[in-house]
Amino acid sequence: MINTAKGRPPAPILAASIAMVIRAVVAAIPIPGTRGDVLAQVLASVLVGGLMLVLAYGLLRGNSLARWLVVILAVVNLYTGATHPGLSVAGRTFSVGLPLALVGLLLLPGCSRRWFLDPPEAATSQSTPTALVGGTPENPLDPSSHHGPSTGL
């Protein structure tokens, strides 16, 4: 299970992160049969794949910057995939469908929007009722650690 300071990520965020990891693996594979310097292709593939992995990790952590970078890159990929003249039907479906799914998963569901808007403190402080017991913030359910005035007993 994946748990962060905010708790467990919602299902759309997990799906978007898995899609980013798949795209990172696909991007890290150099395309055979293309001209040019092989070292430059491998370096570019590794850099793009690494960036996608970092963005997937940012999505899981609830980082808004990672969310918007993924949305912007997905829109650019969507435009490129839709306007590329040499793609087959399967290639066009993959180049258009996956970025469209990423944008939908990150922007449309309410749980996704809340995941990036809620601060980590709000997610953890809602689960412990500290006003009902006299514990400390470290252990709110421990009644023995009372910090009020001494009764002299």
N, C-alpha and C. Protein backbone atom coordinates (compact mmCIF):
# COMPACT_ATOMS: atom_id res chain seq x y z
N MET A 1 0.83 -1.19 0.00
CA MET A 1 0.00 0.00 0.00
C MET A 1 0.86 1.24 0.00
N ILE A 2 0.37 2.25 -0.64
CA ILE A 2 1.09 3.51 -0.71
C ILE A 2 0.43 4.47 0.28
N ASN A 3 1.19 4.91 1.27
CA ASN A 3 0.70 5.89 2.22
C ASN A 3 1.67 7.06 2.23
N THR A 4 1.12 8.26 2.29
CA THR A 4 1.93 9.46 2.36
C THR A 4 1.52 10.23 3.59
N ALA A 5 2.06 11.45 3.74
CA ALA A 5 1.68 12.30 4.87
C ALA A 5 0.20 12.66 4.80
N LYS A 6 -0.38 12.63 3.60
CA LYS A 6 -1.79 12.93 3.42
C LYS A 6 -2.67 11.69 3.56
N GLY A 7 -2.09 10.53 3.64
CA GLY A 7 -2.87 9.30 3.65
C GLY A 7 -2.68 8.56 2.33
N ARG A 8 -3.63 7.71 2.03
CA ARG A 8 -3.57 6.92 0.79
C ARG A 8 -4.10 7.74 -0.37
N PRO A 9 -3.39 7.76 -1.51
CA PRO A 9 -3.87 8.52 -2.68
C PRO A 9 -5.16 7.92 -3.23
N PRO A 10 -6.04 8.74 -3.77
CA PRO A 10 -7.27 8.21 -4.37
C PRO A 10 -6.97 7.42 -5.64
N ALA A 11 -7.92 6.61 -6.05
CA ALA A 11 -7.75 5.72 -7.21
C ALA A 11 -7.38 6.45 -8.50
N PRO A 12 -7.98 7.61 -8.82
CA PRO A 12 -7.55 8.29 -10.06
C PRO A 12 -6.09 8.73 -10.03
N ILE A 13 -5.59 9.10 -8.88
CA ILE A 13 -4.18 9.51 -8.77
C ILE A 13 -3.28 8.29 -8.94
N LEU A 14 -3.67 7.15 -8.36
CA LEU A 14 -2.89 5.93 -8.54
C LEU A 14 -2.87 5.52 -10.01
N ALA A 15 -4.02 5.62 -10.68
CA ALA A 15 -4.09 5.26 -12.10
C ALA A 15 -3.23 6.19 -12.94
N ALA A 16 -3.26 7.48 -12.65
CA ALA A 16 -2.44 8.45 -13.39
C ALA A 16 -0.96 8.19 -13.15
N SER A 17 -0.59 7.84 -11.93
CA SER A 17 0.81 7.56 -11.62
C SER A 17 1.29 6.30 -12.33
N ILE A 18 0.44 5.27 -12.38
CA ILE A 18 0.79 4.05 -13.09
C ILE A 18 0.94 4.34 -14.58
N ALA A 19 0.05 5.16 -15.13
CA ALA A 19 0.17 5.54 -16.54
C ALA A 19 1.47 6.30 -16.79
N MET A 20 1.87 7.15 -15.86
CA MET A 20 3.14 7.87 -16.01
C MET A 20 4.33 6.92 -15.97
N VAL A 21 4.27 5.91 -15.11
CA VAL A 21 5.37 4.93 -15.04
C VAL A 21 5.44 4.14 -16.35
N ILE A 22 4.28 3.77 -16.90
CA ILE A 22 4.27 3.06 -18.18
C ILE A 22 4.86 3.94 -19.28
N ARG A 23 4.47 5.20 -19.30
CA ARG A 23 5.02 6.12 -20.29
C ARG A 23 6.53 6.30 -20.10
N ALA A 24 6.99 6.29 -18.84
CA ALA A 24 8.42 6.42 -18.57
C ALA A 24 9.18 5.22 -19.12
N VAL A 25 8.63 4.02 -18.94
CA VAL A 25 9.29 2.83 -19.46
C VAL A 25 9.31 2.86 -20.98
N VAL A 26 8.19 3.27 -21.60
CA VAL A 26 8.14 3.35 -23.06
C VAL A 26 9.10 4.43 -23.57
N ALA A 27 9.18 5.55 -22.86
CA ALA A 27 10.08 6.62 -23.29
C ALA A 27 11.55 6.26 -23.12
N ALA A 28 11.86 5.38 -22.18
CA ALA A 28 13.25 5.02 -21.93
C ALA A 28 13.79 4.02 -22.95
N ILE A 29 12.92 3.47 -23.78
CA ILE A 29 13.36 2.52 -24.80
C ILE A 29 13.68 3.30 -26.07
N PRO A 30 14.94 3.27 -26.51
CA PRO A 30 15.29 3.98 -27.75
C PRO A 30 14.57 3.37 -28.95
N ILE A 31 14.21 4.19 -29.91
CA ILE A 31 13.49 3.74 -31.09
C ILE A 31 14.51 3.21 -32.10
N PRO A 32 14.41 1.94 -32.47
CA PRO A 32 15.36 1.40 -33.44
C PRO A 32 15.04 1.91 -34.85
N GLY A 33 16.08 2.02 -35.65
CA GLY A 33 15.89 2.42 -37.04
C GLY A 33 15.86 3.91 -37.28
N THR A 34 16.04 4.70 -36.25
CA THR A 34 16.07 6.15 -36.46
C THR A 34 17.51 6.59 -36.66
N ARG A 35 17.67 7.63 -37.42
CA ARG A 35 19.00 8.16 -37.69
C ARG A 35 19.46 9.05 -36.55
N GLY A 36 20.73 9.26 -36.51
CA GLY A 36 21.27 10.17 -35.52
C GLY A 36 22.20 9.46 -34.56
N ASP A 37 22.67 10.21 -33.62
CA ASP A 37 23.61 9.71 -32.63
C ASP A 37 22.88 8.81 -31.64
N VAL A 38 23.34 7.59 -31.48
CA VAL A 38 22.71 6.63 -30.59
C VAL A 38 22.85 7.07 -29.13
N LEU A 39 24.00 7.61 -28.77
CA LEU A 39 24.22 8.07 -27.40
C LEU A 39 23.25 9.21 -27.05
N ALA A 40 23.03 10.12 -27.97
CA ALA A 40 22.09 11.21 -27.71
C ALA A 40 20.67 10.69 -27.56
N GLN A 41 20.30 9.68 -28.35
CA GLN A 41 18.97 9.09 -28.21
C GLN A 41 18.79 8.40 -26.88
N VAL A 42 19.79 7.65 -26.46
CA VAL A 42 19.72 6.96 -25.17
C VAL A 42 19.67 7.97 -24.03
N LEU A 43 20.48 9.01 -24.09
CA LEU A 43 20.48 10.03 -23.05
C LEU A 43 19.13 10.75 -22.98
N ALA A 44 18.57 11.11 -24.13
CA ALA A 44 17.27 11.77 -24.15
C ALA A 44 16.18 10.84 -23.62
N SER A 45 16.25 9.57 -23.98
CA SER A 45 15.26 8.60 -23.51
C SER A 45 15.31 8.44 -22.00
N VAL A 46 16.51 8.36 -21.46
CA VAL A 46 16.67 8.20 -20.02
C VAL A 46 16.21 9.47 -19.28
N LEU A 47 16.55 10.63 -19.81
CA LEU A 47 16.13 11.89 -19.18
C LEU A 47 14.61 12.05 -19.18
N VAL A 48 13.97 11.76 -20.31
CA VAL A 48 12.51 11.88 -20.39
C VAL A 48 11.84 10.85 -19.49
N GLY A 49 12.36 9.62 -19.50
CA GLY A 49 11.81 8.59 -18.62
C GLY A 49 11.98 8.95 -17.15
N GLY A 50 13.14 9.49 -16.80
CA GLY A 50 13.38 9.90 -15.41
C GLY A 50 12.47 11.04 -14.98
N LEU A 51 12.25 12.01 -15.88
CA LEU A 51 11.34 13.10 -15.57
C LEU A 51 9.93 12.59 -15.32
N MET A 52 9.49 11.63 -16.12
CA MET A 52 8.15 11.07 -15.93
C MET A 52 8.04 10.32 -14.61
N LEU A 53 9.11 9.62 -14.21
CA LEU A 53 9.09 8.93 -12.92
C LEU A 53 9.03 9.92 -11.76
N VAL A 54 9.78 11.02 -11.88
CA VAL A 54 9.75 12.04 -10.84
C VAL A 54 8.35 12.67 -10.75
N LEU A 55 7.74 12.92 -11.89
CA LEU A 55 6.39 13.49 -11.90
C LEU A 55 5.36 12.50 -11.33
N ALA A 56 5.52 11.22 -11.60
CA ALA A 56 4.63 10.21 -11.03
C ALA A 56 4.76 10.19 -9.51
N TYR A 57 5.98 10.29 -9.01
CA TYR A 57 6.19 10.35 -7.56
C TYR A 57 5.56 11.61 -6.97
N GLY A 58 5.69 12.74 -7.68
CA GLY A 58 5.07 13.97 -7.22
C GLY A 58 3.56 13.87 -7.15
N LEU A 59 2.96 13.17 -8.10
CA LEU A 59 1.51 12.96 -8.06
C LEU A 59 1.10 12.17 -6.83
N LEU A 60 1.86 11.12 -6.53
CA LEU A 60 1.54 10.31 -5.35
C LEU A 60 1.70 11.09 -4.05
N ARG A 61 2.62 12.03 -4.02
CA ARG A 61 2.83 12.84 -2.81
C ARG A 61 1.85 14.01 -2.70
N GLY A 62 1.09 14.28 -3.76
CA GLY A 62 0.11 15.37 -3.71
C GLY A 62 0.69 16.72 -4.08
N ASN A 63 1.74 16.74 -4.87
CA ASN A 63 2.40 17.97 -5.25
C ASN A 63 1.63 18.63 -6.40
N SER A 64 1.15 19.85 -6.19
CA SER A 64 0.38 20.56 -7.21
C SER A 64 1.22 20.92 -8.43
N LEU A 65 2.49 21.23 -8.22
CA LEU A 65 3.36 21.54 -9.35
C LEU A 65 3.49 20.32 -10.28
N ALA A 66 3.64 19.14 -9.70
CA ALA A 66 3.72 17.92 -10.51
C ALA A 66 2.42 17.71 -11.28
N ARG A 67 1.30 17.98 -10.64
CA ARG A 67 0.00 17.83 -11.30
C ARG A 67 -0.09 18.73 -12.54
N TRP A 68 0.26 19.99 -12.39
CA TRP A 68 0.14 20.92 -13.50
C TRP A 68 1.17 20.66 -14.58
N LEU A 69 2.37 20.21 -14.20
CA LEU A 69 3.36 19.85 -15.21
C LEU A 69 2.90 18.64 -16.02
N VAL A 70 2.29 17.66 -15.35
CA VAL A 70 1.77 16.49 -16.06
C VAL A 70 0.64 16.91 -17.00
N VAL A 71 -0.24 17.79 -16.54
CA VAL A 71 -1.35 18.25 -17.39
C VAL A 71 -0.81 19.00 -18.61
N ILE A 72 0.16 19.88 -18.40
CA ILE A 72 0.73 20.64 -19.52
C ILE A 72 1.43 19.72 -20.51
N LEU A 73 2.24 18.79 -20.00
CA LEU A 73 2.91 17.84 -20.89
C LEU A 73 1.92 16.93 -21.61
N ALA A 74 0.84 16.55 -20.93
CA ALA A 74 -0.18 15.71 -21.57
C ALA A 74 -0.89 16.47 -22.69
N VAL A 75 -1.17 17.75 -22.48
CA VAL A 75 -1.81 18.55 -23.54
C VAL A 75 -0.87 18.70 -24.73
N VAL A 76 0.42 18.91 -24.48
CA VAL A 76 1.39 19.00 -25.57
C VAL A 76 1.46 17.66 -26.32
N ASN A 77 1.49 16.54 -25.57
CA ASN A 77 1.51 15.22 -26.21
C ASN A 77 0.22 14.96 -26.98
N LEU A 78 -0.89 15.43 -26.45
CA LEU A 78 -2.18 15.28 -27.12
C LEU A 78 -2.16 16.00 -28.46
N TYR A 79 -1.68 17.23 -28.47
CA TYR A 79 -1.60 18.01 -29.71
C TYR A 79 -0.63 17.35 -30.71
N THR A 80 0.52 16.93 -30.21
CA THR A 80 1.51 16.30 -31.08
C THR A 80 0.99 15.00 -31.66
N GLY A 81 0.34 14.19 -30.83
CA GLY A 81 -0.21 12.93 -31.31
C GLY A 81 -1.34 13.10 -32.29
N ALA A 82 -2.14 14.15 -32.11
CA ALA A 82 -3.27 14.38 -33.01
C ALA A 82 -2.82 14.95 -34.35
N THR A 83 -1.72 15.67 -34.38
CA THR A 83 -1.30 16.31 -35.62
C THR A 83 -0.15 15.61 -36.32
N HIS A 84 0.40 14.54 -35.75
CA HIS A 84 1.52 13.83 -36.38
C HIS A 84 0.99 13.05 -37.58
N PRO A 85 1.55 13.31 -38.77
CA PRO A 85 0.98 12.69 -39.97
C PRO A 85 1.33 11.21 -40.17
N GLY A 86 2.41 10.72 -39.59
CA GLY A 86 2.86 9.37 -39.89
C GLY A 86 2.45 8.31 -38.90
N LEU A 87 1.48 8.56 -38.05
CA LEU A 87 1.10 7.58 -37.03
C LEU A 87 0.03 6.62 -37.55
N SER A 88 0.14 5.37 -37.13
CA SER A 88 -0.90 4.40 -37.44
C SER A 88 -2.09 4.64 -36.53
N VAL A 89 -3.14 3.87 -36.72
CA VAL A 89 -4.34 4.02 -35.88
C VAL A 89 -4.01 3.66 -34.43
N ALA A 90 -3.25 2.59 -34.23
CA ALA A 90 -2.87 2.19 -32.87
C ALA A 90 -1.95 3.24 -32.24
N GLY A 91 -1.00 3.74 -33.01
CA GLY A 91 -0.10 4.78 -32.50
C GLY A 91 -0.84 6.06 -32.16
N ARG A 92 -1.79 6.44 -33.00
CA ARG A 92 -2.57 7.64 -32.73
C ARG A 92 -3.46 7.46 -31.50
N THR A 93 -4.03 6.27 -31.36
CA THR A 93 -4.87 5.98 -30.19
C THR A 93 -4.05 6.09 -28.91
N PHE A 94 -2.85 5.53 -28.92
CA PHE A 94 -1.98 5.60 -27.75
C PHE A 94 -1.50 7.02 -27.50
N SER A 95 -1.16 7.73 -28.58
CA SER A 95 -0.64 9.10 -28.45
C SER A 95 -1.71 10.10 -28.05
N VAL A 96 -2.96 9.82 -28.34
CA VAL A 96 -4.04 10.73 -27.99
C VAL A 96 -4.78 10.25 -26.74
N GLY A 97 -4.99 8.95 -26.65
CA GLY A 97 -5.80 8.40 -25.56
C GLY A 97 -5.17 8.52 -24.18
N LEU A 98 -3.90 8.19 -24.07
CA LEU A 98 -3.25 8.23 -22.76
C LEU A 98 -3.13 9.66 -22.21
N PRO A 99 -2.69 10.64 -23.00
CA PRO A 99 -2.67 12.00 -22.46
C PRO A 99 -4.07 12.52 -22.11
N LEU A 100 -5.06 12.16 -22.90
CA LEU A 100 -6.43 12.57 -22.60
C LEU A 100 -6.91 11.94 -21.29
N ALA A 101 -6.57 10.67 -21.09
CA ALA A 101 -6.93 10.00 -19.83
C ALA A 101 -6.22 10.64 -18.64
N LEU A 102 -4.95 11.00 -18.81
CA LEU A 102 -4.22 11.65 -17.72
C LEU A 102 -4.86 12.98 -17.33
N VAL A 103 -5.20 13.78 -18.32
CA VAL A 103 -5.84 15.07 -18.03
C VAL A 103 -7.17 14.84 -17.32
N GLY A 104 -7.94 13.87 -17.80
CA GLY A 104 -9.22 13.58 -17.16
C GLY A 104 -9.07 13.08 -15.74
N LEU A 105 -8.11 12.21 -15.50
CA LEU A 105 -7.91 11.66 -14.15
C LEU A 105 -7.43 12.72 -13.16
N LEU A 106 -6.67 13.68 -13.63
CA LEU A 106 -6.10 14.68 -12.72
C LEU A 106 -7.01 15.89 -12.50
N LEU A 107 -7.89 16.19 -13.45
CA LEU A 107 -8.68 17.41 -13.34
C LEU A 107 -10.15 17.19 -13.04
N LEU A 108 -10.74 16.08 -13.45
CA LEU A 108 -12.18 15.93 -13.34
C LEU A 108 -12.70 15.39 -12.00
N PRO A 109 -12.19 14.27 -11.47
CA PRO A 109 -12.78 13.75 -10.23
C PRO A 109 -12.55 14.70 -9.05
N GLY A 110 -13.56 14.81 -8.21
CA GLY A 110 -13.45 15.67 -7.03
C GLY A 110 -12.38 15.19 -6.06
N CYS A 111 -12.21 13.87 -5.95
CA CYS A 111 -11.19 13.35 -5.03
C CYS A 111 -9.79 13.73 -5.51
N SER A 112 -9.60 13.82 -6.82
CA SER A 112 -8.30 14.24 -7.35
C SER A 112 -8.03 15.70 -7.03
N ARG A 113 -9.03 16.53 -7.21
CA ARG A 113 -8.86 17.95 -6.91
C ARG A 113 -8.59 18.16 -5.43
N ARG A 114 -9.31 17.44 -4.57
CA ARG A 114 -9.09 17.56 -3.12
C ARG A 114 -7.71 17.06 -2.72
N TRP A 115 -7.20 16.03 -3.41
CA TRP A 115 -5.89 15.47 -3.08
C TRP A 115 -4.80 16.51 -3.21
N PHE A 116 -4.92 17.39 -4.19
CA PHE A 116 -3.89 18.40 -4.41
C PHE A 116 -4.17 19.69 -3.65
N LEU A 117 -5.38 19.89 -3.16
CA LEU A 117 -5.71 21.13 -2.45
C LEU A 117 -5.56 21.01 -0.94
N ASP A 118 -5.84 19.84 -0.37
CA ASP A 118 -5.78 19.67 1.08
C ASP A 118 -4.34 19.63 1.55
N PRO A 119 -4.01 20.44 2.57
CA PRO A 119 -2.66 20.34 3.13
C PRO A 119 -2.53 19.04 3.93
N PRO A 120 -1.32 18.54 4.12
CA PRO A 120 -1.13 17.28 4.85
C PRO A 120 -1.66 17.35 6.28
N GLU A 121 -1.59 18.51 6.92
CA GLU A 121 -2.05 18.63 8.30
C GLU A 121 -3.55 18.41 8.40
N ALA A 122 -4.31 18.84 7.40
CA ALA A 122 -5.76 18.69 7.43
C ALA A 122 -6.15 17.23 7.35
N ALA A 123 -5.41 16.44 6.60
CA ALA A 123 -5.74 15.03 6.44
C ALA A 123 -5.43 14.25 7.71
N THR A 124 -4.37 14.60 8.43
CA THR A 124 -4.02 13.85 9.63
C THR A 124 -4.74 14.37 10.86
N SER A 125 -5.08 15.65 10.92
CA SER A 125 -5.70 16.17 12.13
C SER A 125 -7.18 15.85 12.21
N GLN A 126 -7.82 15.47 11.12
CA GLN A 126 -9.24 15.14 11.16
C GLN A 126 -9.49 13.79 11.81
N SER A 127 -8.51 12.91 11.83
CA SER A 127 -8.74 11.55 12.30
C SER A 127 -8.57 11.41 13.81
N THR A 128 -7.98 12.37 14.50
CA THR A 128 -7.78 12.25 15.95
C THR A 128 -8.53 13.35 16.68
N PRO A 129 -9.49 12.98 17.52
CA PRO A 129 -10.24 13.98 18.27
C PRO A 129 -9.47 14.42 19.51
N THR A 130 -8.69 15.49 19.44
CA THR A 130 -7.87 15.93 20.56
C THR A 130 -8.68 16.73 21.58
N ALA A 131 -9.82 17.25 21.21
CA ALA A 131 -10.60 18.06 22.14
C ALA A 131 -11.32 17.20 23.18
N LEU A 132 -11.47 15.91 22.97
CA LEU A 132 -12.22 15.06 23.87
C LEU A 132 -11.37 14.49 25.00
N VAL A 133 -10.07 14.44 24.85
CA VAL A 133 -9.19 13.90 25.87
C VAL A 133 -8.09 14.90 26.18
N GLY A 134 -7.44 14.73 27.30
CA GLY A 134 -6.43 15.68 27.72
C GLY A 134 -5.02 15.25 27.41
N GLY A 135 -4.77 14.64 26.29
CA GLY A 135 -3.43 14.16 25.92
C GLY A 135 -2.61 15.24 25.26
N THR A 136 -1.43 14.84 24.84
CA THR A 136 -0.52 15.74 24.15
C THR A 136 -0.75 15.61 22.65
N PRO A 137 -0.23 16.54 21.86
CA PRO A 137 -0.36 16.38 20.39
C PRO A 137 0.35 15.13 19.87
N GLU A 138 1.42 14.68 20.55
CA GLU A 138 2.11 13.48 20.12
C GLU A 138 1.26 12.24 20.37
N ASN A 139 0.54 12.21 21.49
CA ASN A 139 -0.32 11.08 21.85
C ASN A 139 -1.63 11.62 22.41
N PRO A 140 -2.59 11.94 21.56
CA PRO A 140 -3.81 12.60 22.02
C PRO A 140 -4.71 11.70 22.85
N LEU A 141 -4.54 10.40 22.80
CA LEU A 141 -5.43 9.51 23.55
C LEU A 141 -4.86 9.11 24.90
N ASP A 142 -3.72 9.64 25.30
CA ASP A 142 -3.10 9.30 26.58
C ASP A 142 -3.57 10.27 27.65
N PRO A 143 -4.48 9.85 28.55
CA PRO A 143 -4.97 10.78 29.58
C PRO A 143 -3.97 11.04 30.69
N SER A 144 -2.90 10.24 30.79
CA SER A 144 -1.94 10.41 31.88
C SER A 144 -1.05 11.62 31.68
N SER A 145 -0.91 12.10 30.47
CA SER A 145 -0.02 13.22 30.23
C SER A 145 -0.83 14.51 30.20
N HIS A 146 -1.31 14.93 31.34
CA HIS A 146 -2.12 16.13 31.46
C HIS A 146 -1.20 17.31 31.74
N HIS A 147 -1.36 18.38 30.99
CA HIS A 147 -0.50 19.56 31.15
C HIS A 147 -1.23 20.71 31.83
N GLY A 148 -2.30 20.46 32.47
CA GLY A 148 -3.05 21.54 33.13
C GLY A 148 -2.48 21.85 34.50
N PRO A 149 -3.20 22.64 35.28
CA PRO A 149 -2.69 22.99 36.63
C PRO A 149 -2.65 21.77 37.53
N SER A 150 -1.66 21.75 38.38
CA SER A 150 -1.48 20.63 39.30
C SER A 150 -2.52 20.68 40.40
N THR A 151 -3.07 19.53 40.77
CA THR A 151 -4.07 19.46 41.83
C THR A 151 -3.45 19.13 43.18
N GLY A 152 -2.17 18.78 43.20
CA GLY A 152 -1.46 18.52 44.44
C GLY A 152 -1.75 17.15 44.99
N LEU A 153 -2.27 16.23 44.24
CA LEU A 153 -2.55 14.89 44.75
C LEU A 153 -1.37 14.04 44.79
